[in-house]
Structures are given as C-alpha cells and as structure tokens.
C-alpha atoms as a PDB file:
ATOM      1  CA  MET A   1     -19.408 -25.199  43.433  1.00  0.00           C
ATOM      2  CA  GLN A   2     -15.911 -24.332  44.568  1.00  0.00           C
ATOM      3  CA  TRP A   3     -12.728 -26.335  44.261  1.00  0.00           C
ATOM      4  CA  ASN A   4     -12.478 -27.712  47.787  1.00  0.00           C
ATOM      5  CA  VAL A   5     -12.862 -31.102  49.422  1.00  0.00           C
ATOM      6  CA  ASP A   6     -16.191 -30.343  51.088  1.00  0.00           C
ATOM      7  CA  GLU A   7     -17.958 -29.162  47.955  1.00  0.00           C
ATOM      8  CA  LEU A   8     -16.409 -31.730  45.628  1.00  0.00           C
ATOM      9  CA  GLU A   9     -17.457 -34.558  47.942  1.00  0.00           C
ATOM     10  CA  ASN A  10     -20.716 -34.890  45.982  1.00  0.00           C
ATOM     11  CA  TRP A  11     -19.103 -34.305  42.591  1.00  0.00           C
ATOM     12  CA  GLU A  12     -20.432 -37.466  40.915  1.00  0.00           C
ATOM     13  CA  GLU A  13     -24.010 -36.673  41.934  1.00  0.00           C
ATOM     14  CA  LEU A  14     -23.830 -33.066  40.782  1.00  0.00           C
ATOM     15  CA  ARG A  15     -21.610 -33.501  37.703  1.00  0.00           C
ATOM     16  CA  SER A  16     -24.498 -33.578  35.237  1.00  0.00           C
ATOM     17  CA  PHE A  17     -25.676 -30.122  36.387  1.00  0.00           C
ATOM     18  CA  VAL A  18     -22.284 -28.386  36.356  1.00  0.00           C
ATOM     19  CA  ASP A  19     -21.542 -27.464  32.747  1.00  0.00           C
ATOM     20  CA  THR A  20     -19.327 -24.394  33.230  1.00  0.00           C
ATOM     21  CA  ALA A  21     -15.736 -24.113  34.451  1.00  0.00           C
ATOM     22  CA  LEU A  22     -14.815 -20.686  35.860  1.00  0.00           C
ATOM     23  CA  LEU A  23     -11.050 -20.138  35.714  1.00  0.00           C
ATOM     24  CA  PRO A  24      -9.601 -17.014  37.356  1.00  0.00           C
ATOM     25  CA  ILE A  25      -6.211 -16.219  35.803  1.00  0.00           C
ATOM     26  CA  TYR A  26      -3.704 -13.890  37.432  1.00  0.00           C
ATOM     27  CA  LEU A  27      -0.708 -12.564  35.523  1.00  0.00           C
ATOM     28  CA  TYR A  28       2.205 -11.365  37.636  1.00  0.00           C
ATOM     29  CA  ARG A  29       3.773  -8.214  36.243  1.00  0.00           C
ATOM     30  CA  LYS A  30       6.971  -6.511  37.266  1.00  0.00           C
ATOM     31  CA  GLY A  31       6.640  -3.036  38.705  1.00  0.00           C
ATOM     32  CA  LYS A  32       3.997  -3.742  41.328  1.00  0.00           C
ATOM     33  CA  SER A  33       4.714  -4.271  44.996  1.00  0.00           C
ATOM     34  CA  VAL A  34       3.998  -7.584  46.722  1.00  0.00           C
ATOM     35  CA  PRO A  35       1.072  -6.074  48.707  1.00  0.00           C
ATOM     36  CA  GLU A  36      -0.403  -4.706  45.470  1.00  0.00           C
ATOM     37  CA  HIS A  37      -0.158  -8.135  43.830  1.00  0.00           C
ATOM     38  CA  ALA A  38      -1.789  -9.715  46.866  1.00  0.00           C
ATOM     39  CA  MET A  39      -4.628  -7.169  46.795  1.00  0.00           C
ATOM     40  CA  ARG A  40      -5.200  -7.642  43.052  1.00  0.00           C
ATOM     41  CA  MET A  41      -5.186 -11.432  43.258  1.00  0.00           C
ATOM     42  CA  ASN A  42      -7.535 -11.380  46.237  1.00  0.00           C
ATOM     43  CA  TYR A  43      -9.894  -9.057  44.364  1.00  0.00           C
ATOM     44  CA  LEU A  44      -9.931 -11.381  41.335  1.00  0.00           C
ATOM     45  CA  LEU A  45     -10.658 -14.370  43.571  1.00  0.00           C
ATOM     46  CA  ASN A  46     -13.442 -12.492  45.367  1.00  0.00           C
ATOM     47  CA  VAL A  47     -15.048 -11.530  42.051  1.00  0.00           C
ATOM     48  CA  ALA A  48     -14.846 -15.144  40.882  1.00  0.00           C
ATOM     49  CA  ALA A  49     -16.336 -16.435  44.157  1.00  0.00           C
ATOM     50  CA  ALA A  50     -19.191 -13.916  44.014  1.00  0.00           C
ATOM     51  CA  ILE A  51     -19.980 -14.938  40.419  1.00  0.00           C
ATOM     52  CA  GLU A  52     -19.930 -18.602  41.433  1.00  0.00           C
ATOM     53  CA  GLN A  53     -22.387 -17.868  44.266  1.00  0.00           C
ATOM     54  CA  LYS A  54     -24.802 -16.140  41.877  1.00  0.00           C
ATOM     55  CA  LEU A  55     -24.594 -19.057  39.441  1.00  0.00           C
ATOM     56  CA  LYS A  56     -24.322 -21.816  42.028  1.00  0.00           C
ATOM     57  CA  GLY A  57     -25.265 -25.258  40.806  1.00  0.00           C
ATOM     58  CA  ARG A  58     -24.031 -24.775  37.270  1.00  0.00           C
ATOM     59  CA  VAL A  59     -20.461 -23.500  37.758  1.00  0.00           C
ATOM     60  CA  LEU A  60     -17.285 -25.059  39.138  1.00  0.00           C
ATOM     61  CA  LEU A  61     -14.860 -22.383  40.336  1.00  0.00           C
ATOM     62  CA  TYR A  62     -11.272 -23.541  39.842  1.00  0.00           C
ATOM     63  CA  PRO A  63      -8.371 -22.223  41.926  1.00  0.00           C
ATOM     64  CA  VAL A  64      -6.527 -19.225  40.535  1.00  0.00           C
ATOM     65  CA  SER A  65      -4.103 -19.951  37.711  1.00  0.00           C
ATOM     66  CA  TYR A  66      -0.980 -17.882  38.336  1.00  0.00           C
ATOM     67  CA  HIS A  67       1.397 -17.023  35.504  1.00  0.00           C
ATOM     68  CA  PHE A  68       4.197 -14.572  34.819  1.00  0.00           C
ATOM     69  CA  ALA A  69       3.059 -12.076  32.181  1.00  0.00           C
ATOM     70  CA  GLU A  70       6.255 -12.537  30.174  1.00  0.00           C
ATOM     71  CA  GLU A  71       5.612 -16.275  29.676  1.00  0.00           C
ATOM     72  CA  GLN A  72       2.895 -15.817  27.022  1.00  0.00           C
ATOM     73  CA  THR A  73       1.217 -19.028  28.084  1.00  0.00           C
ATOM     74  CA  SER A  74      -2.140 -20.167  26.825  1.00  0.00           C
ATOM     75  CA  GLN A  75      -4.755 -21.407  29.265  1.00  0.00           C
ATOM     76  CA  GLU A  76      -5.731 -25.034  28.833  1.00  0.00           C
ATOM     77  CA  ALA A  77      -9.453 -25.457  29.438  1.00  0.00           C
ATOM     78  CA  PRO A  78     -10.538 -28.423  31.552  1.00  0.00           C
ATOM     79  CA  GLU A  79     -12.253 -31.259  29.739  1.00  0.00           C
ATOM     80  CA  GLY A  80     -15.836 -32.262  30.314  1.00  0.00           C
ATOM     81  CA  PHE A  81     -17.393 -28.793  30.472  1.00  0.00           C
ATOM     82  CA  VAL A  82     -19.662 -27.294  27.842  1.00  0.00           C
ATOM     83  CA  HIS A  83     -18.500 -23.772  28.750  1.00  0.00           C
ATOM     84  CA  GLN A  84     -15.210 -22.369  30.009  1.00  0.00           C
ATOM     85  CA  ILE A  85     -15.013 -18.856  31.426  1.00  0.00           C
ATOM     86  CA  LEU A  86     -11.564 -17.246  31.720  1.00  0.00           C
ATOM     87  CA  LEU A  87     -11.630 -14.390  34.236  1.00  0.00           C
ATOM     88  CA  HIS A  88      -8.670 -11.999  34.172  1.00  0.00           C
ATOM     89  CA  PHE A  89      -7.703  -8.378  34.623  1.00  0.00           C
ATOM     90  CA  GLN A  90      -8.339  -5.971  31.782  1.00  0.00           C
ATOM     91  CA  GLY A  91      -5.231  -5.517  29.669  1.00  0.00           C
ATOM     92  CA  ASP A  92      -3.857  -8.987  30.424  1.00  0.00           C
ATOM     93  CA  ARG A  93      -3.246 -11.075  27.340  1.00  0.00           C
ATOM     94  CA  VAL A  94      -5.072 -14.268  28.179  1.00  0.00           C
ATOM     95  CA  ARG A  95      -5.839 -16.757  25.469  1.00  0.00           C
ATOM     96  CA  PRO A  96      -7.295 -20.235  25.505  1.00  0.00           C
ATOM     97  CA  ALA A  97      -5.219 -23.108  24.112  1.00  0.00           C
ATOM     98  CA  GLN A  98      -8.144 -24.031  21.847  1.00  0.00           C
ATOM     99  CA  THR A  99      -9.965 -21.692  19.520  1.00  0.00           C
ATOM    100  CA  VAL A 100     -12.934 -19.946  21.111  1.00  0.00           C
ATOM    101  CA  GLU A 101     -15.408 -21.716  18.818  1.00  0.00           C
ATOM    102  CA  GLU A 102     -13.823 -25.104  19.414  1.00  0.00           C
ATOM    103  CA  ALA A 103     -13.916 -24.918  23.195  1.00  0.00           C
ATOM    104  CA  ASN A 104     -16.869 -22.548  23.800  1.00  0.00           C
ATOM    105  CA  VAL A 105     -14.633 -20.219  25.806  1.00  0.00           C
ATOM    106  CA  LEU A 106     -15.642 -16.799  27.076  1.00  0.00           C
ATOM    107  CA  THR A 107     -12.907 -14.463  28.299  1.00  0.00           C
ATOM    108  CA  LEU A 108     -14.100 -11.863  30.793  1.00  0.00           C
ATOM    109  CA  PRO A 109     -11.873  -8.932  31.715  1.00  0.00           C
ATOM    110  CA  VAL A 110     -12.120  -7.379  35.173  1.00  0.00           C
ATOM    111  CA  GLY A 111     -11.288  -3.692  35.570  1.00  0.00           C
ATOM    112  CA  ASP A 112      -8.447  -2.967  37.975  1.00  0.00           C
ATOM    113  CA  GLU A 113      -9.346   0.528  39.145  1.00  0.00           C
ATOM    114  CA  ASP A 114     -10.944   1.281  42.525  1.00  0.00           C
ATOM    115  CA  LEU A 115     -10.291  -2.205  43.893  1.00  0.00           C
ATOM    116  CA  ASP A 116     -11.182  -1.044  47.393  1.00  0.00           C
ATOM    117  CA  SER A 117     -14.655   0.196  46.361  1.00  0.00           C
ATOM    118  CA  SER A 118     -17.476  -2.117  47.452  1.00  0.00           C
ATOM    119  CA  LEU A 119     -19.855  -0.456  44.982  1.00  0.00           C
ATOM    120  CA  ARG A 120     -17.415  -1.047  42.125  1.00  0.00           C
ATOM    121  CA  PHE A 121     -17.084  -4.685  43.238  1.00  0.00           C
ATOM    122  CA  GLU A 122     -20.863  -5.238  43.229  1.00  0.00           C
ATOM    123  CA  VAL A 123     -21.265  -3.617  39.810  1.00  0.00           C
ATOM    124  CA  THR A 124     -18.390  -5.699  38.391  1.00  0.00           C
ATOM    125  CA  VAL A 125     -19.888  -8.963  39.678  1.00  0.00           C
ATOM    126  CA  ASP A 126     -23.336  -8.010  38.395  1.00  0.00           C
ATOM    127  CA  VAL A 127     -22.088  -7.150  34.899  1.00  0.00           C
ATOM    128  CA  LEU A 128     -19.908 -10.267  34.607  1.00  0.00           C
ATOM    129  CA  TYR A 129     -22.457 -12.783  35.829  1.00  0.00           C
ATOM    130  CA  LYS A 130     -25.042 -11.345  33.439  1.00  0.00           C
ATOM    131  CA  GLU A 131     -22.508 -11.693  30.604  1.00  0.00           C
ATOM    132  CA  ILE A 132     -22.123 -15.380  31.472  1.00  0.00           C
ATOM    133  CA  ILE A 133     -25.897 -15.819  31.333  1.00  0.00           C
ATOM    134  CA  ARG A 134     -25.944 -14.131  27.896  1.00  0.00           C
ATOM    135  CA  HIS A 135     -23.161 -16.484  26.803  1.00  0.00           C
ATOM    136  CA  TRP A 136     -25.234 -19.479  27.913  1.00  0.00           C
ATOM    137  CA  GLN A 137     -28.272 -18.140  26.081  1.00  0.00           C
ATOM    138  CA  ARG A 138     -26.329 -17.543  22.858  1.00  0.00           C
ATOM    139  CA  SER A 139     -24.857 -21.035  23.056  1.00  0.00           C
ATOM    140  CA  SER A 140     -28.210 -22.707  23.572  1.00  0.00           C
ATOM    141  CA  ALA A 141     -29.706 -20.742  20.664  1.00  0.00           C
ATOM    142  CA  LYS A 142     -27.167 -22.244  18.229  1.00  0.00           C
END
C-alpha cells in the first residue's frame, strides 16, 4: 500500500493486515549536483516502490523523508506498526529515534553505484525484500 489518497481510501478495512511501515530516507549532501540528487532520490523511491509491490498487503510505503546530512536527525517511526523499515543509501548515518529492540526497526542500506543499471536495480530490490522477509521471520520466532 502506498501513501496516496486512492490506496488509503480503504485504510480502516486493511489496517489489521498492514504491520510494516517502509520509510525511505534521503540525506542531502553538499558536493552533488541538483540532477544527481534528483536521480539518487528517484532511485531510492523506485527501490522502495518495487519492494512495496513485492510485499503488497503487508507494507505501507511512506513518502520520502528528506533531511540535510549535517542535521544529524533521528527518524521517528510511525506508531501502530509492528515493524519499521528505514531504507537509505549506504554510508548515510540514519538512526531511529527509538532503540532497535524497542521499536523493531530494520535499517536497510541501498548501494549507490550503477544507479542507471536495470540489472543492479532488480538485484537490489530482490536482496532487500528478502531481508525484510527474514526480519519478519526472526521477529515471529521470538
């Protein structure tokens, strides 16, 4: 489920099935051109959307959270979800406001090389969505 009016129209009916919030986080860094930032953010959003499609029915994809890298902000996880997945670029310092154990948060880094490669994109999505499934399995085994 994506964060838009059409999909959230049936939120109350589907709420009991959606236990995972997927939060793409983009950190703006100096030294990159505006087109490069746009390409990177678009890539992150496309990865998040592809993961949501593979896990449809159990995941709510939030809009991108945009921060300046120098701010050192912590990401507040939305309430009411058993799992929170923070998706960000490798090397970005992203941390949840709560402890990982307290909030059941999984941080997933996305590589930022070969962003124009469709094969790299497919492999990235495949690896990340399988990691989310492993996270669910570990959590249910506790």
